[in-house]
Amino acid sequence: MAAPAHLFPGFTADRIETSGATIHTVSAGSGPPVLLLHGFPQSHVEWHKIAPRLAEEFTVVATDLRGYGDSGKPADGENHSGHSKRATAQDQVEVMRHFGFDKFAVVGHDRGGRVGHRMALDHPARVTKLAVIDIVPTHKLLRNVTKEFATAYYHWFLLIQPAPLPENIIAKIHGLFLDRNHYMHPDAHAEYLRCFRDPATVHAACEDYRASASIDLDHDDADLDRKIACPLLALWGERAPMHRLYDVLTTWRERASNVSGKPLPGGHFLPEELPAETLAELRAFLRG
């Protein structure tokens, strides 16, 4: 079962075999290529308010990250390598190559932004621009844990616990992460629930977080002397914890050479909560 087509009018759905996973995609438009990457606990559907408008002037590819949505669920691998941001980024590079794009812009919200960060480091010749939404680098968060961060992002520390503890909790109370907010389209919310009723999706999402606290940190430690070379746009919500816990632009300037950005008057889920404002910022960045 795929997402309702009316959420992405004019888009074509595909399942693309990469070297590590089968990736579900939707694509449309013409012009410079842009890859949209979603966050937790969502899928490509979180872009349904933005992707059709972007496709008016860009070639837009939106995917389900490995483990999420209708993409494949790879094995855990040693030290959670099956869900490392390096492996997930490699999937996305191969997806874009499938569509004929060796260079492309990346827009990532939440987990997708973390994949984009790793992609810009591992594949600097491919990523022309990177926009990250409501995150600061994982290394900053987990190598400098504060009480305030642990309180606001308690789910990070739940999801990294050994299986099956977090999996069992999510299976019993999906609403812990999947309450429907007023700005969320009912069909989008239904999609998120559909996917998270699959135990394999729940396990993969936990593995994503376990990777962040293990193999991803190893990769980040090894790259502390490197900065993202392409232009980076950071957007975040004024009502989200990132705004009160971190100087977001200063933090990104520690990890990237060319950083711009601003807060928007919303919370964490900006692509759905403030689509017009988010779209305007993305368009200006991608056009520039």
Protein backbone atom coordinates (compact mmCIF):
# COMPACT_ATOMS: atom_id res chain seq x y z
CA MET A 1 0.00 0.00 0.00
CA ALA A 2 1.39 3.41 -0.98
CA ALA A 3 0.58 6.94 0.19
CA PRO A 4 -2.57 8.51 -1.26
CA ALA A 5 -1.75 9.93 -4.70
CA HIS A 6 -3.74 13.10 -4.09
CA LEU A 7 -1.12 14.25 -1.57
CA PHE A 8 1.43 14.41 -4.41
CA PRO A 9 -0.50 15.36 -7.57
CA GLY A 10 1.51 14.77 -10.74
CA PHE A 11 4.23 12.80 -8.96
CA THR A 12 5.41 9.36 -10.07
CA ALA A 13 6.09 6.68 -7.46
CA ASP A 14 9.06 4.31 -7.84
CA ARG A 15 10.89 1.66 -5.88
CA ILE A 16 14.60 1.91 -6.53
CA GLU A 17 17.11 -0.81 -5.69
CA THR A 18 20.30 0.60 -4.22
CA SER A 19 23.33 -1.40 -3.12
CA GLY A 20 21.93 -1.51 0.41
CA ALA A 21 18.15 -1.17 0.36
CA THR A 22 15.00 -0.72 -1.70
CA ILE A 23 14.00 2.95 -1.53
CA HIS A 24 10.48 4.22 -2.11
CA THR A 25 10.42 7.53 -3.98
CA VAL A 26 8.06 10.04 -5.52
CA SER A 27 9.29 12.52 -8.12
CA ALA A 28 8.05 15.29 -10.39
CA GLY A 29 9.02 18.54 -12.04
CA SER A 30 11.90 19.80 -14.14
CA GLY A 31 14.86 22.04 -13.52
CA PRO A 32 17.65 21.75 -10.94
CA PRO A 33 17.36 18.60 -8.83
CA VAL A 34 16.35 18.75 -5.16
CA LEU A 35 16.23 15.76 -2.80
CA LEU A 36 13.79 15.96 0.13
CA LEU A 37 14.49 13.85 3.21
CA HIS A 38 11.97 13.41 6.03
CA GLY A 39 12.25 13.10 9.78
CA PHE A 40 11.02 10.84 12.59
CA PRO A 41 8.38 9.48 12.89
CA GLN A 42 7.32 10.35 9.36
CA SER A 43 7.93 9.46 5.73
CA HIS A 44 8.20 11.34 2.43
CA VAL A 45 4.56 12.32 3.04
CA GLU A 46 5.67 15.13 5.36
CA TRP A 47 6.62 17.11 2.22
CA HIS A 48 3.15 16.98 0.64
CA LYS A 49 2.50 20.68 1.28
CA ILE A 50 5.85 21.76 -0.17
CA ALA A 51 6.97 19.28 -2.84
CA PRO A 52 4.28 20.12 -5.45
CA ARG A 53 5.13 23.82 -5.22
CA LEU A 54 8.86 23.19 -5.46
CA ALA A 55 8.24 20.97 -8.50
CA GLU A 56 7.01 24.05 -10.37
CA GLU A 57 10.66 25.06 -10.86
CA PHE A 58 12.81 22.16 -9.66
CA THR A 59 13.05 18.43 -10.24
CA VAL A 60 11.88 17.15 -6.87
CA VAL A 61 12.65 13.69 -5.49
CA ALA A 62 11.20 12.79 -2.09
CA THR A 63 12.08 9.46 -0.53
CA ASP A 64 11.37 7.25 2.44
CA LEU A 65 14.67 6.77 4.26
CA ARG A 66 15.78 3.18 4.66
CA GLY A 67 13.73 1.60 7.42
CA TYR A 68 10.92 4.15 7.19
CA GLY A 69 7.70 4.33 5.22
CA ASP A 70 7.60 1.90 2.32
CA SER A 71 11.38 1.61 1.92
CA GLY A 72 13.23 -1.60 2.74
CA LYS A 73 14.25 -2.56 6.26
CA PRO A 74 17.92 -3.66 6.10
CA ALA A 75 19.51 -5.88 8.73
CA ASP A 76 20.86 -4.13 11.82
CA GLY A 77 24.50 -4.84 10.99
CA GLU A 78 27.48 -4.67 13.30
CA ASN A 79 27.31 -1.69 15.68
CA HIS A 80 24.00 -0.69 14.03
CA SER A 81 25.80 -0.05 10.74
CA GLY A 82 22.73 -1.08 8.75
CA HIS A 83 21.09 2.17 9.81
CA SER A 84 24.08 4.47 9.98
CA LYS A 85 23.74 7.88 8.38
CA ARG A 86 26.60 6.86 6.08
CA ALA A 87 24.65 3.89 4.73
CA THR A 88 21.43 5.90 4.53
CA ALA A 89 23.19 8.72 2.67
CA GLN A 90 24.67 6.22 0.22
CA ASP A 91 21.13 5.04 -0.61
CA GLN A 92 20.12 8.57 -1.47
CA VAL A 93 23.15 9.23 -3.68
CA GLU A 94 22.29 6.08 -5.63
CA VAL A 95 18.64 7.13 -5.90
CA MET A 96 19.64 10.45 -7.42
CA ARG A 97 22.06 8.70 -9.77
CA HIS A 98 19.14 6.51 -10.88
CA PHE A 99 17.33 9.68 -11.92
CA GLY A 100 20.41 10.90 -13.79
CA PHE A 101 21.70 13.41 -11.24
CA ASP A 102 25.33 13.38 -10.17
CA LYS A 103 24.93 16.73 -8.38
CA PHE A 104 21.88 17.94 -6.46
CA ALA A 105 20.62 20.01 -3.55
CA VAL A 106 19.43 18.33 -0.35
CA VAL A 107 16.74 19.47 2.07
CA GLY A 108 16.43 17.45 5.25
CA HIS A 109 14.14 17.78 8.24
CA ASP A 110 15.09 16.16 11.54
CA ARG A 111 16.59 12.71 10.77
CA GLY A 112 16.74 13.64 7.10
CA GLY A 113 18.89 16.63 7.99
CA ARG A 114 21.31 14.34 9.79
CA VAL A 115 21.50 12.15 6.70
CA GLY A 116 22.10 15.27 4.61
CA HIS A 117 24.91 16.36 6.95
CA ARG A 118 26.67 13.02 6.52
CA MET A 119 26.03 13.07 2.75
CA ALA A 120 27.66 16.49 2.41
CA LEU A 121 30.75 15.15 4.19
CA ASP A 122 30.97 11.80 2.42
CA HIS A 123 29.94 13.07 -1.03
CA PRO A 124 31.01 16.73 -1.24
CA ALA A 125 31.20 16.67 -5.04
CA ARG A 126 27.53 15.67 -5.25
CA VAL A 127 25.76 17.93 -2.74
CA THR A 128 25.52 21.45 -4.17
CA LYS A 129 23.49 22.94 -1.31
CA LEU A 130 22.20 21.62 2.00
CA ALA A 131 19.19 22.89 3.97
CA VAL A 132 18.62 21.45 7.45
CA ILE A 133 15.41 21.98 9.40
CA ASP A 134 15.27 22.13 13.19
CA ILE A 135 18.47 20.33 14.04
CA VAL A 136 22.01 20.98 15.18
CA PRO A 137 24.74 18.38 14.55
CA THR A 138 24.33 15.05 16.32
CA HIS A 139 27.89 15.24 17.63
CA LYS A 140 27.10 18.50 19.42
CA LEU A 141 24.06 16.96 21.07
CA LEU A 142 25.46 13.63 22.19
CA ARG A 143 29.01 14.63 23.10
CA ASN A 144 27.69 17.53 25.18
CA VAL A 145 24.56 16.17 26.83
CA THR A 146 22.83 18.59 29.18
CA LYS A 147 19.89 18.12 31.51
CA GLU A 148 17.88 20.48 29.30
CA PHE A 149 18.61 18.49 26.15
CA ALA A 150 17.90 15.16 27.84
CA THR A 151 14.58 16.51 29.15
CA ALA A 152 13.41 18.00 25.85
CA TYR A 153 14.61 15.07 23.74
CA TYR A 154 13.95 12.22 26.16
CA HIS A 155 12.88 9.97 23.28
CA TRP A 156 16.48 9.87 22.00
CA PHE A 157 17.48 8.07 25.18
CA LEU A 158 14.47 5.78 25.11
CA LEU A 159 14.94 4.70 21.50
CA ILE A 160 18.64 3.83 21.90
CA GLN A 161 17.87 1.24 24.58
CA PRO A 162 18.44 -2.39 23.56
CA ALA A 163 15.67 -4.14 21.67
CA PRO A 164 12.91 -4.87 22.29
CA LEU A 165 12.22 -2.36 25.08
CA PRO A 166 11.50 0.76 23.00
CA GLU A 167 9.90 -1.30 20.23
CA ASN A 168 7.42 -2.77 22.69
CA ILE A 169 6.58 0.62 24.16
CA ILE A 170 5.91 2.15 20.72
CA ALA A 171 3.85 -0.87 19.67
CA LYS A 172 1.56 -0.39 22.65
CA ILE A 173 1.22 3.40 22.51
CA HIS A 174 1.70 4.71 18.97
CA GLY A 175 0.32 8.04 20.12
CA LEU A 176 3.47 8.61 22.14
CA PHE A 177 4.96 9.94 18.91
CA LEU A 178 2.04 10.01 16.49
CA ASP A 179 -0.58 12.31 17.93
CA ARG A 180 -2.31 14.27 15.20
CA ASN A 181 -1.59 17.99 15.42
CA HIS A 182 -4.06 20.56 14.10
CA TYR A 183 -1.86 21.38 11.09
CA MET A 184 -1.47 17.76 10.03
CA HIS A 185 -3.59 16.57 7.10
CA PRO A 186 -5.69 13.58 8.26
CA ASP A 187 -4.45 11.46 5.34
CA ALA A 188 -0.84 12.27 6.20
CA HIS A 189 -1.45 11.29 9.81
CA ALA A 190 -3.08 8.06 8.66
CA GLU A 191 0.03 7.31 6.60
CA TYR A 192 2.35 7.76 9.56
CA LEU A 193 0.16 5.47 11.65
CA ARG A 194 0.01 2.85 8.88
CA CYS A 195 3.78 2.67 8.64
CA PHE A 196 4.37 2.61 12.39
CA ARG A 197 1.95 -0.27 12.82
CA ASP A 198 4.59 -2.38 11.06
CA PRO A 199 6.94 -3.78 13.72
CA ALA A 200 9.79 -3.74 11.17
CA THR A 201 9.41 0.02 10.76
CA VAL A 202 9.40 0.57 14.49
CA HIS A 203 12.53 -1.53 14.92
CA ALA A 204 14.30 0.24 12.05
CA ALA A 205 13.49 3.65 13.53
CA CYS A 206 14.98 2.55 16.84
CA GLU A 207 18.05 1.29 14.99
CA ASP A 208 18.34 4.73 13.36
CA TYR A 209 18.62 6.28 16.83
CA ARG A 210 20.90 3.52 18.12
CA ALA A 211 23.20 4.22 15.17
CA SER A 212 23.26 7.91 16.07
CA ALA A 213 24.61 7.07 19.51
CA SER A 214 27.22 4.58 18.27
CA ILE A 215 28.58 4.23 14.74
CA ASP A 216 27.47 7.69 13.65
CA LEU A 217 29.38 9.25 16.53
CA ASP A 218 32.47 7.29 15.48
CA HIS A 219 32.13 8.70 11.96
CA ASP A 220 31.60 12.20 13.32
CA ASP A 221 34.61 11.94 15.63
CA ALA A 222 36.76 11.02 12.63
CA ASP A 223 35.56 14.09 10.71
CA LEU A 224 35.91 16.80 13.35
CA ASP A 225 38.62 18.53 11.32
CA ARG A 226 36.36 18.75 8.23
CA LYS A 227 33.65 21.25 7.43
CA ILE A 228 30.76 21.09 5.01
CA ALA A 229 31.92 22.99 1.94
CA CYS A 230 28.62 23.73 0.18
CA PRO A 231 26.24 26.51 1.24
CA LEU A 232 24.13 25.47 4.22
CA LEU A 233 20.74 26.90 5.24
CA ALA A 234 19.51 26.26 8.77
CA LEU A 235 15.83 26.80 9.61
CA TRP A 236 14.32 26.07 12.99
CA GLY A 237 11.17 26.68 15.00
CA GLU A 238 10.97 29.49 17.53
CA ARG A 239 8.70 27.28 19.64
CA ALA A 240 10.92 24.21 19.31
CA PRO A 241 13.54 23.21 21.91
CA MET A 242 16.45 23.88 19.54
CA HIS A 243 15.69 27.59 19.67
CA ARG A 244 15.99 27.86 23.43
CA LEU A 245 18.77 25.32 23.93
CA TYR A 246 21.28 26.29 21.22
CA ASP A 247 22.62 29.18 19.20
CA VAL A 248 21.74 27.31 16.02
CA LEU A 249 23.70 29.37 13.49
CA THR A 250 26.84 29.52 15.64
CA THR A 251 26.65 25.77 16.18
CA TRP A 252 26.38 25.07 12.45
CA ARG A 253 29.25 27.45 11.70
CA GLU A 254 31.44 25.12 13.74
CA ARG A 255 30.68 22.39 11.18
CA ALA A 256 30.16 24.26 7.88
CA SER A 257 31.95 27.05 6.02
CA ASN A 258 29.03 28.95 4.50
CA VAL A 259 26.00 29.13 6.81
CA SER A 260 22.84 31.22 6.73
CA GLY A 261 19.43 30.80 8.29
CA LYS A 262 16.77 31.98 10.68
CA PRO A 263 14.05 30.82 13.07
CA LEU A 264 10.47 30.57 11.86
CA PRO A 265 7.44 31.19 14.13
CA GLY A 266 6.50 27.56 14.62
CA GLY A 267 7.50 24.33 16.26
CA HIS A 268 9.54 21.32 15.18
CA PHE A 269 7.44 20.14 12.22
CA LEU A 270 7.91 23.20 10.00
CA PRO A 271 7.21 21.52 6.60
CA GLU A 272 3.69 20.72 7.76
CA GLU A 273 3.08 23.46 10.32
CA LEU A 274 4.41 26.46 8.33
CA PRO A 275 4.62 25.26 4.72
CA ALA A 276 4.33 28.69 3.09
CA GLU A 277 7.08 30.24 5.20
CA THR A 278 9.30 27.17 4.87
CA LEU A 279 8.77 27.06 1.11
CA ALA A 280 9.65 30.73 0.73
CA GLU A 281 12.96 30.27 2.56
CA LEU A 282 13.82 27.11 0.64
CA ARG A 283 13.02 28.68 -2.72
CA ALA A 284 15.19 31.71 -2.02
CA PHE A 285 18.08 29.45 -0.93
CA LEU A 286 17.76 27.00 -3.80
CA ARG A 287 17.45 29.75 -6.40
CA GLY A 288 20.45 31.68 -5.13
